[in-house]
Amino acid sequence: MAIPRRLLAYLDGMDLTLEEWGALCYLLYLEGEVKPADVKGNRACELLETRGLVAREGQSISFEPMLQLVEGGKSQQKPQPQPLPTVYARLVKRYEQESGRFLSEKDKRDLLQVLQKYGWPEEVVYQAFVFYAANYRRRYYSFAGFCQMAFQAGVKTLPELKDFCSQLDYGVKKVKEVLQRLGKYNQPTEAQKNYYQKWQRDWHFSHEMILLAADETINADNPSIGYVDRVLDNWQAEGLSTPQDVANRRKSHKKAAKERIKGRRKVIGNRDFDDHAPEDYDSLEE
C-alpha cells in the first residue's frame, strides 16, 4: 500500500512510535473497517484510540481525529492525547533511537506497566530501563520485576535509582566473593542472594564475618552456602558478632579440649598423664 508523502510529513511531528505507524498502516489497508474477528485490527484500533488519533463506531474506523490534529486543530471537538500514552510513546521512541534496537512486545508491556503502577518521573523510568537493559536483563526475569525491587527499596528519584543499582551490583559482587571461598565460580542464584540478604539484613553479620564463616568450610567434603548458613546460625545462637568473638571462642574450645585430655587419668610405666601436656603423649608411645 502507499501512504501520501504529505501525510507522512504531517505525521512526522506527532512522535508516533514504530508500533503506532504499523497500526496506522494496517487500518489504512483495511480501509477503515475492522471486523470483530480481526485481532490485529482491533489491537491497532485500541492503540490509536489511546493516542486520540482515531474514533471507532461499531466496525467503522474514523480518521477524523487524526486529520484534525494534522490540520492544526480547527475543530472544537479535537480529542486531547492522554498524558500517560504520550509519555509511553516518547520513552519507546527515545530508547529505540538511542540504542539502535527495537523493543520487544514484552518490554513495551513492562514499560507501560511501570508507568501506570509506580508514578515515577519519566526520566527515572527511562534510566531504570537503560540500567536494566545494559546490566540486569540476564539476571532478572523482567523489567517489571526489576522495578518492583527498586520500588520496594524506596526508589522515587534518579539519585535513589542510581544508589539502588550501585548497591545491587555491590551485593552480587559480595555473594560471588563468598562463592569463591567455597571454590565455586558461578553467577549467584536468587536463592544464594537471598541467603546473603538474610545474613546481613536479618542476622546483622558483616561481610567479614560471612567470609570467615565460609572459611570454616575448608574441611567439609562438599562446601556450600547451606554449610555457611549453619555456621552463621550457630554463631548467632552463641552471640558471636565479630572476628574477635570467633577467635576467643576457638581459644576457649582449645583450652576445654586440653582440660578434657588432662582429666583422663591413665598411668603407664609409673607415669601419670596428668603431669604431662598433650604434646608429651607421643613420646610415651615410643
Protein backbone atom coordinates (compact mmCIF):
# COMPACT_ATOMS: atom_id res chain seq x y z
CA MET A 1 0.00 0.00 0.00
CA ALA A 2 1.10 3.62 -0.47
CA ILE A 3 0.91 6.45 2.05
CA PRO A 4 0.77 10.01 0.70
CA ARG A 5 4.04 11.84 1.24
CA ARG A 6 2.18 14.90 2.51
CA LEU A 7 0.53 12.81 5.24
CA LEU A 8 3.91 11.38 6.23
CA ALA A 9 5.30 14.90 6.50
CA TYR A 10 2.44 16.00 8.78
CA LEU A 11 2.61 12.91 10.97
CA ASP A 12 6.37 13.13 11.40
CA GLY A 13 5.97 15.72 14.13
CA MET A 14 3.43 13.69 16.12
CA ASP A 15 6.01 11.41 17.77
CA LEU A 16 4.48 8.19 16.51
CA THR A 17 6.26 5.00 17.56
CA LEU A 18 7.04 2.28 15.05
CA GLU A 19 4.20 0.24 16.55
CA GLU A 20 1.77 3.12 16.01
CA TRP A 21 2.97 3.58 12.42
CA GLY A 22 2.33 -0.11 11.83
CA ALA A 23 -1.14 0.15 13.36
CA LEU A 24 -1.96 3.17 11.21
CA CYS A 25 -0.78 1.44 8.03
CA TYR A 26 -2.82 -1.66 8.85
CA LEU A 27 -6.01 0.34 9.45
CA LEU A 28 -5.48 2.26 6.21
CA TYR A 29 -5.05 -1.09 4.47
CA LEU A 30 -8.38 -2.24 5.94
CA GLU A 31 -9.92 0.95 4.55
CA GLY A 32 -11.33 1.93 7.92
CA GLU A 33 -13.37 -1.18 8.72
CA VAL A 34 -12.32 -3.72 11.34
CA LYS A 35 -14.18 -6.99 11.76
CA PRO A 36 -14.65 -8.41 15.29
CA ALA A 37 -12.56 -11.48 14.46
CA ASP A 38 -9.60 -9.41 13.26
CA VAL A 39 -7.35 -9.47 16.35
CA LYS A 40 -4.61 -7.36 14.78
CA GLY A 41 -7.07 -4.80 13.53
CA ASN A 42 -8.78 -4.44 16.90
CA ARG A 43 -5.47 -4.11 18.67
CA ALA A 44 -4.30 -1.46 16.19
CA CYS A 45 -7.53 0.43 16.71
CA GLU A 46 -7.20 0.35 20.51
CA LEU A 47 -3.62 1.61 20.29
CA LEU A 48 -4.51 4.59 18.10
CA GLU A 49 -7.67 5.34 20.07
CA THR A 50 -5.48 5.68 23.17
CA ARG A 51 -3.43 8.32 21.37
CA GLY A 52 -6.58 10.09 20.24
CA LEU A 53 -5.81 9.53 16.55
CA VAL A 54 -8.90 7.55 15.52
CA ALA A 55 -12.51 7.14 16.63
CA ARG A 56 -14.48 3.91 16.47
CA GLU A 57 -18.14 3.38 15.72
CA GLY A 58 -19.01 -0.30 15.57
CA GLN A 59 -16.78 -1.81 12.88
CA SER A 60 -16.06 1.54 11.23
CA ILE A 61 -12.91 3.49 12.00
CA SER A 62 -12.84 7.26 11.55
CA PHE A 63 -9.53 9.03 10.92
CA GLU A 64 -11.15 12.40 11.56
CA PRO A 65 -9.36 12.98 14.91
CA MET A 66 -6.00 12.43 13.23
CA LEU A 67 -6.92 14.75 10.37
CA GLN A 68 -7.93 17.42 12.86
CA LEU A 69 -4.55 17.17 14.54
CA VAL A 70 -2.81 17.35 11.16
CA GLU A 71 -4.81 20.44 10.17
CA GLY A 72 -3.85 22.25 13.33
CA GLY A 73 -6.91 21.59 15.48
CA LYS A 74 -9.54 23.75 13.78
CA SER A 75 -12.36 21.67 15.22
CA GLN A 76 -13.50 22.43 18.77
CA GLN A 77 -14.02 18.70 19.38
CA LYS A 78 -10.39 17.79 18.87
CA PRO A 79 -9.57 14.98 21.34
CA GLN A 80 -6.63 15.59 23.63
CA PRO A 81 -3.96 12.88 23.81
CA GLN A 82 -3.81 11.25 27.22
CA PRO A 83 -0.62 12.10 29.18
CA LEU A 84 0.37 8.52 30.04
CA PRO A 85 0.28 7.11 26.49
CA THR A 86 2.18 10.17 25.29
CA VAL A 87 4.95 9.59 27.84
CA TYR A 88 5.00 5.90 26.99
CA ALA A 89 5.30 6.60 23.27
CA ARG A 90 8.06 9.13 23.88
CA LEU A 91 10.04 6.67 26.03
CA VAL A 92 9.77 3.87 23.49
CA LYS A 93 10.83 6.15 20.64
CA ARG A 94 13.71 7.62 22.63
CA TYR A 95 15.12 4.25 23.64
CA GLU A 96 14.80 2.75 20.16
CA GLN A 97 16.56 5.76 18.62
CA GLU A 98 19.37 5.93 21.19
CA SER A 99 20.00 2.18 21.44
CA GLY A 100 19.51 1.36 17.78
CA ARG A 101 17.28 -1.61 18.52
CA PHE A 102 13.55 -2.26 18.68
CA LEU A 103 11.88 -3.07 21.97
CA SER A 104 10.13 -6.41 22.26
CA GLU A 105 6.42 -6.58 22.94
CA LYS A 106 7.17 -7.82 26.45
CA ASP A 107 9.49 -4.89 27.15
CA LYS A 108 6.81 -2.47 25.94
CA ARG A 109 4.18 -4.05 28.18
CA ASP A 110 6.54 -3.88 31.14
CA LEU A 111 7.37 -0.27 30.40
CA LEU A 112 3.71 0.70 30.31
CA GLN A 113 3.02 -1.28 33.49
CA VAL A 114 5.81 0.53 35.35
CA LEU A 115 4.49 3.92 34.21
CA GLN A 116 1.00 3.03 35.44
CA LYS A 117 2.00 1.41 38.71
CA TYR A 118 4.70 3.48 40.41
CA GLY A 119 4.12 7.08 39.36
CA TRP A 120 7.83 7.69 38.76
CA PRO A 121 9.03 10.70 36.75
CA GLU A 122 9.64 10.00 33.08
CA GLU A 123 13.44 10.25 33.38
CA VAL A 124 13.52 7.77 36.30
CA VAL A 125 11.57 5.21 34.27
CA TYR A 126 13.81 5.74 31.25
CA GLN A 127 17.07 5.45 33.18
CA ALA A 128 15.74 2.41 35.05
CA PHE A 129 15.11 0.70 31.72
CA VAL A 130 18.56 1.69 30.43
CA PHE A 131 20.20 0.26 33.57
CA TYR A 132 18.11 -2.89 33.33
CA ALA A 133 18.79 -3.48 29.63
CA ALA A 134 22.53 -2.88 29.96
CA ASN A 135 23.26 -4.79 33.15
CA TYR A 136 20.41 -6.82 34.57
CA ARG A 137 18.46 -8.34 31.67
CA ARG A 138 20.12 -11.75 32.15
CA ARG A 139 19.79 -11.69 35.94
CA TYR A 140 16.14 -10.74 36.33
CA TYR A 141 13.12 -12.15 34.56
CA SER A 142 11.56 -8.86 33.53
CA PHE A 143 11.85 -5.10 33.69
CA ALA A 144 8.65 -5.03 35.76
CA GLY A 145 10.23 -7.37 38.33
CA PHE A 146 13.38 -5.27 38.45
CA CYS A 147 11.33 -2.10 39.06
CA GLN A 148 9.32 -3.81 41.78
CA MET A 149 12.55 -4.46 43.69
CA ALA A 150 13.59 -0.83 43.20
CA PHE A 151 10.20 0.44 44.39
CA GLN A 152 10.32 -1.80 47.48
CA ALA A 153 13.78 -0.35 48.19
CA GLY A 154 12.20 3.12 48.29
CA VAL A 155 13.34 4.41 44.90
CA LYS A 156 11.48 7.56 43.82
CA THR A 157 14.14 9.82 42.30
CA LEU A 158 17.03 9.45 39.88
CA PRO A 159 19.77 9.64 42.58
CA GLU A 160 17.93 6.96 44.59
CA LEU A 161 17.75 4.77 41.49
CA LYS A 162 21.49 5.13 40.91
CA ASP A 163 22.22 4.27 44.55
CA PHE A 164 19.94 1.23 44.30
CA CYS A 165 21.68 -0.03 41.15
CA SER A 166 25.09 0.56 42.73
CA GLN A 167 24.12 -1.42 45.83
CA LEU A 168 22.64 -4.15 43.67
CA ASP A 169 25.91 -4.57 41.80
CA TYR A 170 27.87 -4.48 45.05
CA GLY A 171 25.60 -7.10 46.62
CA VAL A 172 26.10 -9.52 43.72
CA LYS A 173 29.85 -8.94 43.94
CA LYS A 174 29.87 -9.83 47.64
CA VAL A 175 27.92 -13.05 47.10
CA LYS A 176 30.40 -14.01 44.38
CA GLU A 177 33.23 -13.49 46.89
CA VAL A 178 31.59 -15.94 49.28
CA LEU A 179 31.12 -18.49 46.50
CA GLN A 180 34.77 -18.18 45.51
CA ARG A 181 35.78 -19.00 49.10
CA LEU A 182 33.76 -22.20 48.61
CA GLY A 183 35.55 -22.99 45.36
CA LYS A 184 32.58 -22.08 43.17
CA TYR A 185 32.70 -19.57 40.33
CA ASN A 186 29.14 -19.50 39.00
CA GLN A 187 26.86 -16.46 38.85
CA PRO A 188 24.93 -16.21 42.14
CA THR A 189 21.46 -17.71 42.05
CA GLU A 190 18.43 -15.97 43.56
CA ALA A 191 18.48 -18.48 46.46
CA GLN A 192 22.14 -17.71 47.20
CA LYS A 193 21.49 -13.96 47.11
CA ASN A 194 18.54 -14.45 49.49
CA TYR A 195 20.82 -16.30 51.92
CA TYR A 196 23.25 -13.39 51.87
CA GLN A 197 20.49 -10.84 52.45
CA LYS A 198 19.28 -12.85 55.43
CA TRP A 199 22.77 -12.96 56.95
CA GLN A 200 23.26 -9.21 56.61
CA ARG A 201 19.75 -7.81 56.95
CA ASP A 202 18.17 -10.19 59.47
CA TRP A 203 21.16 -11.58 61.37
CA HIS A 204 23.29 -8.40 61.08
CA PHE A 205 26.54 -10.14 60.17
CA SER A 206 29.25 -8.10 58.46
CA HIS A 207 30.77 -9.18 55.15
CA GLU A 208 33.98 -10.01 57.04
CA MET A 209 32.11 -12.38 59.35
CA ILE A 210 30.36 -14.06 56.41
CA LEU A 211 33.71 -14.68 54.68
CA LEU A 212 35.05 -16.03 57.98
CA ALA A 213 32.15 -18.47 58.12
CA ALA A 214 32.88 -19.53 54.55
CA ASP A 215 36.46 -20.29 55.59
CA GLU A 216 35.07 -22.67 58.23
CA THR A 217 34.02 -24.98 55.39
CA ILE A 218 37.63 -25.75 54.43
CA ASN A 219 37.42 -29.28 55.87
CA ALA A 220 33.93 -30.02 54.54
CA ASP A 221 33.54 -32.68 51.85
CA ASN A 222 31.18 -30.51 49.84
CA PRO A 223 31.29 -26.87 50.99
CA SER A 224 28.11 -24.98 50.18
CA ILE A 225 26.05 -21.92 51.01
CA GLY A 226 23.92 -24.16 53.23
CA TYR A 227 27.00 -25.10 55.26
CA VAL A 228 27.88 -21.42 55.71
CA ASP A 229 24.29 -20.81 56.80
CA ARG A 230 24.60 -23.45 59.54
CA VAL A 231 27.89 -21.94 60.77
CA LEU A 232 26.37 -18.46 60.98
CA ASP A 233 23.24 -19.86 62.62
CA ASN A 234 25.43 -21.36 65.37
CA TRP A 235 27.36 -18.11 65.76
CA GLN A 236 24.15 -16.15 66.07
CA ALA A 237 22.88 -18.55 68.75
CA GLU A 238 26.17 -18.13 70.66
CA GLY A 239 26.13 -14.35 70.32
CA LEU A 240 29.27 -14.13 68.18
CA SER A 241 29.23 -10.94 66.13
CA THR A 242 32.89 -10.03 65.49
CA PRO A 243 36.01 -11.87 64.32
CA GLN A 244 37.46 -11.37 67.81
CA ASP A 245 34.45 -13.20 69.29
CA VAL A 246 35.17 -16.13 66.97
CA ALA A 247 38.88 -16.10 67.88
CA ASN A 248 38.05 -16.10 71.60
CA ARG A 249 35.62 -18.98 71.07
CA ARG A 250 38.32 -21.02 69.33
CA LYS A 251 40.77 -20.39 72.20
CA SER A 252 38.12 -21.40 74.69
CA HIS A 253 37.40 -24.62 72.80
CA LYS A 254 41.09 -25.50 72.61
CA LYS A 255 41.51 -24.89 76.33
CA ALA A 256 38.47 -27.04 77.10
CA ALA A 257 39.85 -29.82 74.88
CA LYS A 258 43.15 -29.78 76.78
CA GLU A 259 41.29 -29.91 80.07
CA ARG A 260 39.34 -32.95 78.90
CA ILE A 261 42.55 -34.71 77.94
CA LYS A 262 44.15 -33.91 81.28
CA GLY A 263 41.10 -35.25 83.04
CA ARG A 264 41.62 -38.74 81.66
CA ARG A 265 43.79 -40.27 84.41
CA LYS A 266 45.87 -43.08 82.98
CA VAL A 267 49.12 -44.49 84.33
CA ILE A 268 51.62 -46.12 82.00
CA GLY A 269 55.00 -47.24 83.32
CA ASN A 270 54.51 -45.44 86.65
CA ARG A 271 53.91 -42.17 84.79
CA ASP A 272 50.76 -40.15 85.40
CA PHE A 273 49.41 -38.50 82.23
CA ASP A 274 48.02 -35.63 84.33
CA ASP A 275 51.59 -34.46 84.81
CA HIS A 276 52.17 -34.02 81.11
CA ALA A 277 50.85 -31.77 78.43
CA PRO A 278 49.10 -33.42 75.43
CA GLU A 279 52.19 -32.93 73.26
CA ASP A 280 54.12 -35.28 75.59
CA TYR A 281 51.88 -38.26 74.80
CA ASP A 282 53.60 -39.21 71.58
CA SER A 283 56.94 -39.69 73.37
CA LEU A 284 55.33 -42.12 75.79
CA GLU A 285 54.24 -44.35 72.94
CA GLU A 286 57.79 -44.74 71.61
